[in-house]
């Protein structure tokens, strides 16, 4: 399964726990990848697969940005490509 979009978050563990608690379909488990990210894949309500990731000590911590965890959860709640009308 290939992700449609990648979202980088400050704390991927928090986002993963919230996605699981809310019953979202996690299609790739939370995994530490050898290239310096910790990630999981989840299906948003519109059916798109999202790659949610955070930097590990091997990654670049300077790239972290506050508020991304909340943004990722919001995307999962309302769907990425929700039609308005």
PDB file of N, CA and C in Angstrom:
ATOM      1  N   UNK A   1       0.843  -1.166   0.000  1.00  0.00           N
ATOM      2  CA  UNK A   1       0.000   0.000   0.000  1.00  0.00           C
ATOM      3  C   UNK A   1       0.895   1.239   0.000  1.00  0.00           C
ATOM      4  N   UNK A   2       0.702   2.107  -0.965  1.00  0.00           N
ATOM      5  CA  UNK A   2       1.524   3.308  -1.073  1.00  0.00           C
ATOM      6  C   UNK A   2       0.779   4.518  -0.499  1.00  0.00           C
ATOM      7  N   UNK A   3       1.491   5.336   0.291  1.00  0.00           N
ATOM      8  CA  UNK A   3       0.837   6.511   0.858  1.00  0.00           C
ATOM      9  C   UNK A   3       0.591   7.591  -0.188  1.00  0.00           C
ATOM     10  N   UNK A   4      -0.503   8.313  -0.009  1.00  0.00           N
ATOM     11  CA  UNK A   4      -0.866   9.425  -0.870  1.00  0.00           C
ATOM     12  C   UNK A   4      -0.168  10.707  -0.416  1.00  0.00           C
ATOM     13  N   UNK A   5       0.018  10.839   0.905  1.00  0.00           N
ATOM     14  CA  UNK A   5       0.560  12.059   1.482  1.00  0.00           C
ATOM     15  C   UNK A   5       1.362  11.708   2.723  1.00  0.00           C
ATOM     16  N   UNK A   6       2.464  12.439   2.952  1.00  0.00           N
ATOM     17  CA  UNK A   6       3.263  12.283   4.161  1.00  0.00           C
ATOM     18  C   UNK A   6       3.081  13.515   5.031  1.00  0.00           C
ATOM     19  N   UNK A   7       2.845  13.278   6.324  1.00  0.00           N
ATOM     20  CA  UNK A   7       2.706  14.359   7.298  1.00  0.00           C
ATOM     21  C   UNK A   7       3.735  14.120   8.391  1.00  0.00           C
ATOM     22  N   UNK A   8       4.636  15.099   8.595  1.00  0.00           N
ATOM     23  CA  UNK A   8       5.621  15.002   9.665  1.00  0.00           C
ATOM     24  C   UNK A   8       5.054  15.629  10.930  1.00  0.00           C
ATOM     25  N   UNK A   9       5.183  14.929  12.060  1.00  0.00           N
ATOM     26  CA  UNK A   9       4.654  15.395  13.335  1.00  0.00           C
ATOM     27  C   UNK A   9       5.755  15.439  14.379  1.00  0.00           C
ATOM     28  N   UNK A  10       5.502  16.189  15.451  1.00  0.00           N
ATOM     29  CA  UNK A  10       6.477  16.291  16.535  1.00  0.00           C
ATOM     30  C   UNK A  10       6.596  14.993  17.321  1.00  0.00           C
ATOM     31  N   UNK A  11       5.466  14.351  17.615  1.00  0.00           N
ATOM     32  CA  UNK A  11       5.466  13.136  18.435  1.00  0.00           C
ATOM     33  C   UNK A  11       4.574  12.088  17.767  1.00  0.00           C
ATOM     34  N   UNK A  12       5.180  11.253  16.945  1.00  0.00           N
ATOM     35  CA  UNK A  12       4.427  10.260  16.182  1.00  0.00           C
ATOM     36  C   UNK A  12       3.750   9.242  17.091  1.00  0.00           C
ATOM     37  N   UNK A  13       4.314   8.992  18.266  1.00  0.00           N
ATOM     38  CA  UNK A  13       3.698   8.054  19.201  1.00  0.00           C
ATOM     39  C   UNK A  13       2.344   8.564  19.697  1.00  0.00           C
ATOM     40  N   UNK A  14       2.250   9.862  19.958  1.00  0.00           N
ATOM     41  CA  UNK A  14       0.994  10.465  20.413  1.00  0.00           C
ATOM     42  C   UNK A  14      -0.053  10.379  19.306  1.00  0.00           C
ATOM     43  N   UNK A  15       0.329  10.716  18.087  1.00  0.00           N
ATOM     44  CA  UNK A  15      -0.612  10.671  16.964  1.00  0.00           C
ATOM     45  C   UNK A  15      -1.058   9.236  16.697  1.00  0.00           C
ATOM     46  N   UNK A  16      -0.127   8.280  16.760  1.00  0.00           N
ATOM     47  CA  UNK A  16      -0.470   6.875  16.549  1.00  0.00           C
ATOM     48  C   UNK A  16      -1.459   6.403  17.612  1.00  0.00           C
ATOM     49  N   UNK A  17      -1.169   6.697  18.876  1.00  0.00           N
ATOM     50  CA  UNK A  17      -2.063   6.274  19.964  1.00  0.00           C
ATOM     51  C   UNK A  17      -3.450   6.875  19.781  1.00  0.00           C
ATOM     52  N   UNK A  18      -3.522   8.124  19.364  1.00  0.00           N
ATOM     53  CA  UNK A  18      -4.814   8.774  19.162  1.00  0.00           C
ATOM     54  C   UNK A  18      -5.550   8.152  17.983  1.00  0.00           C
ATOM     55  N   UNK A  19      -4.842   7.872  16.900  1.00  0.00           N
ATOM     56  CA  UNK A  19      -5.476   7.245  15.727  1.00  0.00           C
ATOM     57  C   UNK A  19      -6.045   5.871  16.090  1.00  0.00           C
ATOM     58  N   UNK A  20      -5.292   5.093  16.850  1.00  0.00           N
ATOM     59  CA  UNK A  20      -5.758   3.765  17.275  1.00  0.00           C
ATOM     60  C   UNK A  20      -6.969   3.907  18.204  1.00  0.00           C
ATOM     61  N   UNK A  21      -6.883   4.827  19.164  1.00  0.00           N
ATOM     62  CA  UNK A  21      -7.983   5.023  20.106  1.00  0.00           C
ATOM     63  C   UNK A  21      -9.272   5.448  19.405  1.00  0.00           C
ATOM     64  N   UNK A  22      -9.147   6.179  18.308  1.00  0.00           N
ATOM     65  CA  UNK A  22     -10.320   6.647  17.565  1.00  0.00           C
ATOM     66  C   UNK A  22     -10.796   5.627  16.527  1.00  0.00           C
ATOM     67  N   UNK A  23     -10.089   4.496  16.417  1.00  0.00           N
ATOM     68  CA  UNK A  23     -10.532   3.424  15.534  1.00  0.00           C
ATOM     69  C   UNK A  23     -10.149   3.567  14.079  1.00  0.00           C
ATOM     70  N   UNK A  24      -9.172   4.411  13.764  1.00  0.00           N
ATOM     71  CA  UNK A  24      -8.724   4.531  12.379  1.00  0.00           C
ATOM     72  C   UNK A  24      -7.999   3.262  11.949  1.00  0.00           C
ATOM     73  N   UNK A  25      -8.037   2.978  10.664  1.00  0.00           N
ATOM     74  CA  UNK A  25      -7.436   1.780  10.100  1.00  0.00           C
ATOM     75  C   UNK A  25      -5.937   2.002   9.883  1.00  0.00           C
ATOM     76  N   UNK A  26      -5.113   1.482  10.802  1.00  0.00           N
ATOM     77  CA  UNK A  26      -3.657   1.561  10.679  1.00  0.00           C
ATOM     78  C   UNK A  26      -3.219   0.383   9.813  1.00  0.00           C
ATOM     79  N   UNK A  27      -2.701   0.680   8.618  1.00  0.00           N
ATOM     80  CA  UNK A  27      -2.386  -0.379   7.655  1.00  0.00           C
ATOM     81  C   UNK A  27      -0.900  -0.720   7.608  1.00  0.00           C
ATOM     82  N   UNK A  28      -0.080   0.033   8.337  1.00  0.00           N
ATOM     83  CA  UNK A  28       1.346  -0.282   8.518  1.00  0.00           C
ATOM     84  C   UNK A  28       1.676   0.112   9.948  1.00  0.00           C
ATOM     85  N   UNK A  29       2.211  -0.803  10.747  1.00  0.00           N
ATOM     86  CA  UNK A  29       2.418  -0.518  12.168  1.00  0.00           C
ATOM     87  C   UNK A  29       3.463   0.564  12.406  1.00  0.00           C
ATOM     88  N   UNK A  30       3.438   1.123  13.595  1.00  0.00           N
ATOM     89  CA  UNK A  30       4.437   2.096  14.018  1.00  0.00           C
ATOM     90  C   UNK A  30       5.803   1.417  13.954  1.00  0.00           C
ATOM     91  N   UNK A  31       6.702   1.980  13.154  1.00  0.00           N
ATOM     92  CA  UNK A  31       7.977   1.328  12.843  1.00  0.00           C
ATOM     93  C   UNK A  31       9.117   2.342  12.851  1.00  0.00           C
ATOM     94  N   UNK A  32      10.251   1.965  13.462  1.00  0.00           N
ATOM     95  CA  UNK A  32      11.481   2.754  13.352  1.00  0.00           C
ATOM     96  C   UNK A  32      12.190   2.328  12.077  1.00  0.00           C
ATOM     97  N   UNK A  33      12.301   3.254  11.125  1.00  0.00           N
ATOM     98  CA  UNK A  33      12.936   2.949   9.845  1.00  0.00           C
ATOM     99  C   UNK A  33      14.431   3.257   9.910  1.00  0.00           C
ATOM    100  N   UNK A  34      15.248   2.516   9.154  1.00  0.00           N
ATOM    101  CA  UNK A  34      16.694   2.713   9.209  1.00  0.00           C
ATOM    102  C   UNK A  34      17.166   4.071   8.683  1.00  0.00           C
ATOM    103  N   UNK A  35      16.317   4.800   7.974  1.00  0.00           N
ATOM    104  CA  UNK A  35      16.725   6.098   7.427  1.00  0.00           C
ATOM    105  C   UNK A  35      16.412   7.261   8.368  1.00  0.00           C
ATOM    106  N   UNK A  36      16.008   6.969   9.613  1.00  0.00           N
ATOM    107  CA  UNK A  36      15.893   8.012  10.626  1.00  0.00           C
ATOM    108  C   UNK A  36      14.512   8.576  10.871  1.00  0.00           C
ATOM    109  N   UNK A  37      13.485   7.805  10.560  1.00  0.00           N
ATOM    110  CA  UNK A  37      12.126   8.233  10.884  1.00  0.00           C
ATOM    111  C   UNK A  37      11.395   7.107  11.599  1.00  0.00           C
ATOM    112  N   UNK A  38      10.395   7.494  12.374  1.00  0.00           N
ATOM    113  CA  UNK A  38       9.465   6.553  13.006  1.00  0.00           C
ATOM    114  C   UNK A  38       8.126   6.870  12.371  1.00  0.00           C
ATOM    115  N   UNK A  39       7.437   5.859  11.822  1.00  0.00           N
ATOM    116  CA  UNK A  39       6.238   6.156  11.051  1.00  0.00           C
ATOM    117  C   UNK A  39       5.197   5.057  11.137  1.00  0.00           C
ATOM    118  N   UNK A  40       3.991   5.403  10.690  1.00  0.00           N
ATOM    119  CA  UNK A  40       2.934   4.428  10.474  1.00  0.00           C
ATOM    120  C   UNK A  40       2.079   4.920   9.323  1.00  0.00           C
ATOM    121  N   UNK A  41       1.337   4.007   8.712  1.00  0.00           N
ATOM    122  CA  UNK A  41       0.416   4.357   7.631  1.00  0.00           C
ATOM    123  C   UNK A  41      -1.002   4.154   8.132  1.00  0.00           C
ATOM    124  N   UNK A  42      -1.872   5.109   7.810  1.00  0.00           N
ATOM    125  CA  UNK A  42      -3.255   5.078   8.273  1.00  0.00           C
ATOM    126  C   UNK A  42      -4.160   5.531   7.127  1.00  0.00           C
ATOM    127  N   UNK A  43      -5.369   4.984   7.104  1.00  0.00           N
ATOM    128  CA  UNK A  43      -6.348   5.355   6.089  1.00  0.00           C
ATOM    129  C   UNK A  43      -7.262   6.436   6.666  1.00  0.00           C
ATOM    130  N   UNK A  44      -7.351   7.581   5.971  1.00  0.00           N
ATOM    131  CA  UNK A  44      -8.240   8.653   6.425  1.00  0.00           C
ATOM    132  C   UNK A  44      -9.653   8.364   5.918  1.00  0.00           C
ATOM    133  N   UNK A  45     -10.671   9.070   6.450  1.00  0.00           N
ATOM    134  CA  UNK A  45     -12.057   8.739   6.114  1.00  0.00           C
ATOM    135  C   UNK A  45     -12.391   8.721   4.628  1.00  0.00           C
ATOM    136  N   UNK A  46     -11.665   9.469   3.811  1.00  0.00           N
ATOM    137  CA  UNK A  46     -11.910   9.470   2.372  1.00  0.00           C
ATOM    138  C   UNK A  46     -11.258   8.313   1.647  1.00  0.00           C
ATOM    139  N   UNK A  47     -10.512   7.467   2.371  1.00  0.00           N
ATOM    140  CA  UNK A  47      -9.888   6.292   1.776  1.00  0.00           C
ATOM    141  C   UNK A  47      -8.442   6.468   1.358  1.00  0.00           C
ATOM    142  N   UNK A  48      -7.882   7.665   1.564  1.00  0.00           N
ATOM    143  CA  UNK A  48      -6.492   7.887   1.188  1.00  0.00           C
ATOM    144  C   UNK A  48      -5.562   7.385   2.290  1.00  0.00           C
ATOM    145  N   UNK A  49      -4.423   6.837   1.881  1.00  0.00           N
ATOM    146  CA  UNK A  49      -3.433   6.344   2.838  1.00  0.00           C
ATOM    147  C   UNK A  49      -2.465   7.483   3.165  1.00  0.00           C
ATOM    148  N   UNK A  50      -2.294   7.753   4.467  1.00  0.00           N
ATOM    149  CA  UNK A  50      -1.383   8.790   4.935  1.00  0.00           C
ATOM    150  C   UNK A  50      -0.190   8.168   5.622  1.00  0.00           C
ATOM    151  N   UNK A  51       0.993   8.687   5.336  1.00  0.00           N
ATOM    152  CA  UNK A  51       2.235   8.298   5.983  1.00  0.00           C
ATOM    153  C   UNK A  51       2.495   9.332   7.076  1.00  0.00           C
ATOM    154  N   UNK A  52       2.317   8.937   8.332  1.00  0.00           N
ATOM    155  CA  UNK A  52       2.530   9.844   9.459  1.00  0.00           C
ATOM    156  C   UNK A  52       3.896   9.511  10.051  1.00  0.00           C
ATOM    157  N   UNK A  53       4.783  10.517  10.129  1.00  0.00           N
ATOM    158  CA  UNK A  53       6.141  10.221  10.590  1.00  0.00           C
ATOM    159  C   UNK A  53       6.680  11.290  11.502  1.00  0.00           C
ATOM    160  N   UNK A  54       7.686  10.884  12.269  1.00  0.00           N
ATOM    161  CA  UNK A  54       8.452  11.796  13.115  1.00  0.00           C
ATOM    162  C   UNK A  54       9.917  11.441  12.981  1.00  0.00           C
ATOM    163  N   UNK A  55      10.774  12.390  13.246  1.00  0.00           N
ATOM    164  CA  UNK A  55      12.210  12.165  13.170  1.00  0.00           C
ATOM    165  C   UNK A  55      12.679  11.345  14.377  1.00  0.00           C
ATOM    166  N   UNK A  56      13.637  10.465  14.156  1.00  0.00           N
ATOM    167  CA  UNK A  56      14.293   9.733  15.244  1.00  0.00           C
ATOM    168  C   UNK A  56      15.656  10.381  15.468  1.00  0.00           C
ATOM    169  N   UNK A  57      16.412   9.950  16.475  1.00  0.00           N
ATOM    170  CA  UNK A  57      17.739  10.542  16.679  1.00  0.00           C
ATOM    171  C   UNK A  57      18.635  10.480  15.437  1.00  0.00           C
ATOM    172  N   UNK A  58      18.381   9.533  14.539  1.00  0.00           N
ATOM    173  CA  UNK A  58      19.158   9.473  13.305  1.00  0.00           C
ATOM    174  C   UNK A  58      18.717  10.538  12.311  1.00  0.00           C
ATOM    175  N   UNK A  59      17.485  11.032  12.496  1.00  0.00           N
ATOM    176  CA  UNK A  59      16.945  12.042  11.590  1.00  0.00           C
ATOM    177  C   UNK A  59      17.403  13.442  11.971  1.00  0.00           C
ATOM    178  N   UNK A  60      16.749  14.438  11.447  1.00  0.00           N
ATOM    179  CA  UNK A  60      17.117  15.830  11.655  1.00  0.00           C
ATOM    180  C   UNK A  60      16.134  16.514  12.606  1.00  0.00           C
ATOM    181  N   UNK A  61      16.465  16.642  13.888  1.00  0.00           N
ATOM    182  CA  UNK A  61      15.526  17.231  14.843  1.00  0.00           C
ATOM    183  C   UNK A  61      15.249  18.704  14.585  1.00  0.00           C
ATOM    184  N   UNK A  62      16.104  19.400  13.843  1.00  0.00           N
ATOM    185  CA  UNK A  62      15.889  20.817  13.545  1.00  0.00           C
ATOM    186  C   UNK A  62      14.690  21.035  12.639  1.00  0.00           C
ATOM    187  N   UNK A  63      14.207  19.980  11.981  1.00  0.00           N
ATOM    188  CA  UNK A  63      13.079  20.098  11.067  1.00  0.00           C
ATOM    189  C   UNK A  63      11.734  20.016  11.772  1.00  0.00           C
ATOM    190  N   UNK A  64      11.734  19.688  13.056  1.00  0.00           N
ATOM    191  CA  UNK A  64      10.470  19.556  13.794  1.00  0.00           C
ATOM    192  C   UNK A  64       9.753  20.905  13.852  1.00  0.00           C
ATOM    193  N   UNK A  65       8.420  20.876  13.829  1.00  0.00           N
ATOM    194  CA  UNK A  65       7.622  22.106  13.843  1.00  0.00           C
ATOM    195  C   UNK A  65       6.437  21.924  14.781  1.00  0.00           C
ATOM    196  N   UNK A  66       6.255  22.811  15.721  1.00  0.00           N
ATOM    197  CA  UNK A  66       5.162  22.717  16.693  1.00  0.00           C
ATOM    198  C   UNK A  66       3.812  22.739  15.993  1.00  0.00           C
ATOM    199  N   UNK A  67       2.872  21.971  16.524  1.00  0.00           N
ATOM    200  CA  UNK A  67       1.513  21.981  16.015  1.00  0.00           C
ATOM    201  C   UNK A  67       1.213  20.928  14.968  1.00  0.00           C
ATOM    202  N   UNK A  68       2.199  20.207  14.485  1.00  0.00           N
ATOM    203  CA  UNK A  68       1.935  19.240  13.426  1.00  0.00           C
ATOM    204  C   UNK A  68       1.139  18.041  13.910  1.00  0.00           C
ATOM    205  N   UNK A  69       1.281  17.659  15.186  1.00  0.00           N
ATOM    206  CA  UNK A  69       0.483  16.541  15.704  1.00  0.00           C
ATOM    207  C   UNK A  69      -0.998  16.875  15.614  1.00  0.00           C
ATOM    208  N   UNK A  70      -1.371  18.068  16.018  1.00  0.00           N
ATOM    209  CA  UNK A  70      -2.772  18.480  15.973  1.00  0.00           C
ATOM    210  C   UNK A  70      -3.265  18.513  14.524  1.00  0.00           C
ATOM    211  N   UNK A  71      -2.434  18.971  13.595  1.00  0.00           N
ATOM    212  CA  UNK A  71      -2.819  19.022  12.186  1.00  0.00           C
ATOM    213  C   UNK A  71      -3.084  17.624  11.649  1.00  0.00           C
ATOM    214  N   UNK A  72      -2.222  16.663  11.967  1.00  0.00           N
ATOM    215  CA  UNK A  72      -2.402  15.295  11.482  1.00  0.00           C
ATOM    216  C   UNK A  72      -3.697  14.699  12.014  1.00  0.00           C
ATOM    217  N   UNK A  73      -3.990  14.908  13.275  1.00  0.00           N
ATOM    218  CA  UNK A  73      -5.220  14.379  13.858  1.00  0.00           C
ATOM    219  C   UNK A  73      -6.428  15.033  13.198  1.00  0.00           C
ATOM    220  N   UNK A  74      -6.354  16.332  12.928  1.00  0.00           N
ATOM    221  CA  UNK A  74      -7.439  17.024  12.251  1.00  0.00           C
ATOM    222  C   UNK A  74      -7.685  16.486  10.857  1.00  0.00           C
ATOM    223  N   UNK A  75      -6.628  16.175  10.130  1.00  0.00           N
ATOM    224  CA  UNK A  75      -6.761  15.600   8.789  1.00  0.00           C
ATOM    225  C   UNK A  75      -7.467  14.258   8.874  1.00  0.00           C
ATOM    226  N   UNK A  76      -7.119  13.442   9.845  1.00  0.00           N
ATOM    227  CA  UNK A  76      -7.755  12.142   9.999  1.00  0.00           C
ATOM    228  C   UNK A  76      -9.233  12.297  10.349  1.00  0.00           C
ATOM    229  N   UNK A  77      -9.564  13.266  11.184  1.00  0.00           N
ATOM    230  CA  UNK A  77     -10.955  13.429  11.618  1.00  0.00           C
ATOM    231  C   UNK A  77     -11.890  13.844  10.498  1.00  0.00           C
ATOM    232  N   UNK A  78     -11.491  14.778   9.669  1.00  0.00           N
ATOM    233  CA  UNK A  78     -12.408  15.310   8.673  1.00  0.00           C
ATOM    234  C   UNK A  78     -12.181  14.738   7.278  1.00  0.00           C
ATOM    235  N   UNK A  79     -11.115  14.023   7.077  1.00  0.00           N
ATOM    236  CA  UNK A  79     -10.813  13.497   5.750  1.00  0.00           C
ATOM    237  C   UNK A  79     -10.000  14.507   4.972  1.00  0.00           C
ATOM    238  N   UNK A  80      -9.110  14.014   4.148  1.00  0.00           N
ATOM    239  CA  UNK A  80      -8.180  14.889   3.439  1.00  0.00           C
ATOM    240  C   UNK A  80      -8.864  15.660   2.322  1.00  0.00           C
ATOM    241  N   UNK A  81      -9.689  15.012   1.556  1.00  0.00           N
ATOM    242  CA  UNK A  81     -10.282  15.654   0.387  1.00  0.00           C
ATOM    243  C   UNK A  81     -11.798  15.717   0.509  1.00  0.00           C
ATOM    244  N   UNK A  82     -12.288  16.234   1.601  1.00  0.00           N
ATOM    245  CA  UNK A  82     -13.726  16.301   1.841  1.00  0.00           C
ATOM    246  C   UNK A  82     -14.374  17.282   0.853  1.00  0.00           C
ATOM    247  N   UNK A  83     -15.452  16.854   0.240  1.00  0.00           N
ATOM    248  CA  UNK A  83     -16.173  17.718  -0.689  1.00  0.00           C
ATOM    249  C   UNK A  83     -17.097  18.644   0.083  1.00  0.00           C
ATOM    250  N   UNK A  84     -17.096  19.885  -0.306  1.00  0.00           N
ATOM    251  CA  UNK A  84     -17.965  20.873   0.329  1.00  0.00           C
ATOM    252  C   UNK A  84     -19.098  21.170  -0.652  1.00  0.00           C
ATOM    253  N   UNK A  85     -20.310  21.204  -0.148  1.00  0.00           N
ATOM    254  CA  UNK A  85     -21.382  21.539  -1.071  1.00  0.00           C
ATOM    255  C   UNK A  85     -22.646  21.033  -0.672  1.00  0.00           C
TER     256      UNK A  85
END
